[in-house]
C-alpha atoms as a PDB file:
ATOM      1  CA  MET A   1      85.601 112.426 106.469  1.00  0.00           C
ATOM      2  CA  THR A   2      85.946 110.553 103.461  1.00  0.00           C
ATOM      3  CA  GLY A   3      82.927 111.748 101.666  1.00  0.00           C
ATOM      4  CA  LEU A   4      84.500 115.022 101.114  1.00  0.00           C
ATOM      5  CA  PHE A   5      85.777 112.738  98.241  1.00  0.00           C
ATOM      6  CA  SER A   6      82.708 111.320  97.037  1.00  0.00           C
ATOM      7  CA  PRO A   7      82.915 113.463  94.019  1.00  0.00           C
ATOM      8  CA  GLY A   8      85.784 111.575  93.022  1.00  0.00           C
ATOM      9  CA  HIS A   9      83.120 108.888  91.490  1.00  0.00           C
ATOM     10  CA  TYR A  10      83.403 111.388  88.298  1.00  0.00           C
ATOM     11  CA  VAL A  11      86.989 111.491  88.024  1.00  0.00           C
ATOM     12  CA  TYR A  12      86.592 107.951  86.062  1.00  0.00           C
ATOM     13  CA  PRO A  13      84.140 106.590  83.856  1.00  0.00           C
ATOM     14  CA  MET A  14      81.828 103.831  85.450  1.00  0.00           C
ATOM     15  CA  PRO A  15      81.456 100.407  83.736  1.00  0.00           C
ATOM     16  CA  GLU A  16      77.873 101.031  84.067  1.00  0.00           C
ATOM     17  CA  PRO A  17      75.565 104.524  84.231  1.00  0.00           C
ATOM     18  CA  MET A  18      75.107 105.461  87.410  1.00  0.00           C
ATOM     19  CA  THR A  19      71.628 106.074  88.433  1.00  0.00           C
ATOM     20  CA  LEU A  20      69.542 109.025  89.776  1.00  0.00           C
ATOM     21  CA  LYS A  21      70.098 107.296  93.393  1.00  0.00           C
ATOM     22  CA  MET A  22      73.768 106.887  93.109  1.00  0.00           C
ATOM     23  CA  HIS A  23      74.003 110.518  92.324  1.00  0.00           C
ATOM     24  CA  LEU A  24      72.098 111.541  94.973  1.00  0.00           C
ATOM     25  CA  LEU A  25      73.604 109.841  97.638  1.00  0.00           C
ATOM     26  CA  ILE A  26      77.325 110.502  96.423  1.00  0.00           C
ATOM     27  CA  TRP A  27      76.390 114.184  96.586  1.00  0.00           C
ATOM     28  CA  GLU A  28      74.434 114.082  99.917  1.00  0.00           C
ATOM     29  CA  ASP A  29      77.620 112.144 101.186  1.00  0.00           C
ATOM     30  CA  PHE A  30      79.807 114.958 100.072  1.00  0.00           C
ATOM     31  CA  ALA A  31      77.239 117.741 101.646  1.00  0.00           C
ATOM     32  CA  VAL A  32      76.662 115.907 104.871  1.00  0.00           C
ATOM     33  CA  ALA A  33      81.037 115.438 104.935  1.00  0.00           C
ATOM     34  CA  LEU A  34      81.425 119.007 104.416  1.00  0.00           C
ATOM     35  CA  ALA A  35      78.848 120.354 107.147  1.00  0.00           C
ATOM     36  CA  LEU A  36      80.749 118.430 109.633  1.00  0.00           C
ATOM     37  CA  VAL A  37      84.136 120.442 108.654  1.00  0.00           C
ATOM     38  CA  LEU A  38      82.322 123.305 108.852  1.00  0.00           C
ATOM     39  CA  PHE A  39      80.677 122.624 112.395  1.00  0.00           C
ATOM     40  CA  VAL A  40      83.955 121.583 113.838  1.00  0.00           C
ATOM     41  CA  LEU A  41      85.698 124.387 112.445  1.00  0.00           C
ATOM     42  CA  TRP A  42      83.158 126.693 113.524  1.00  0.00           C
ATOM     43  CA  THR A  43      83.229 125.247 117.267  1.00  0.00           C
ATOM     44  CA  ILE A  44      87.147 125.308 116.947  1.00  0.00           C
ATOM     45  CA  LEU A  45      86.463 129.422 116.401  1.00  0.00           C
ATOM     46  CA  GLU A  46      84.198 130.036 118.970  1.00  0.00           C
ATOM     47  CA  GLN A  47      86.584 128.303 121.480  1.00  0.00           C
ATOM     48  CA  VAL A  48      89.239 130.490 120.745  1.00  0.00           C
ATOM     49  CA  ARG A  49      87.042 133.355 120.784  1.00  0.00           C
ATOM     50  CA  GLN A  50      85.889 132.464 123.968  1.00  0.00           C
ATOM     51  CA  SER A  51      89.415 131.923 125.477  1.00  0.00           C
ATOM     52  CA  LYS A  52      90.283 135.263 124.351  1.00  0.00           C
ATOM     53  CA  HIS A  53      87.315 137.107 126.141  1.00  0.00           C
ATOM     54  CA  GLN A  54      87.848 134.861 129.451  1.00  0.00           C
ATOM     55  CA  SER A  55      91.630 135.405 130.049  1.00  0.00           C
ATOM     56  CA  PRO A  56      92.938 139.043 131.342  1.00  0.00           C
END
């Protein structure tokens, strides 16, 4: 979940320039965290929908 805050690396200047690898890893970390959050929300919504269809 902390990956959602990875773009925070760009808030303050770095003492040394970041390499392309560092940029890619920061954005990869963010994308994976976002995908995880979206998957969890989708799973919860699916369970809610199924429980509405099952209850009389």
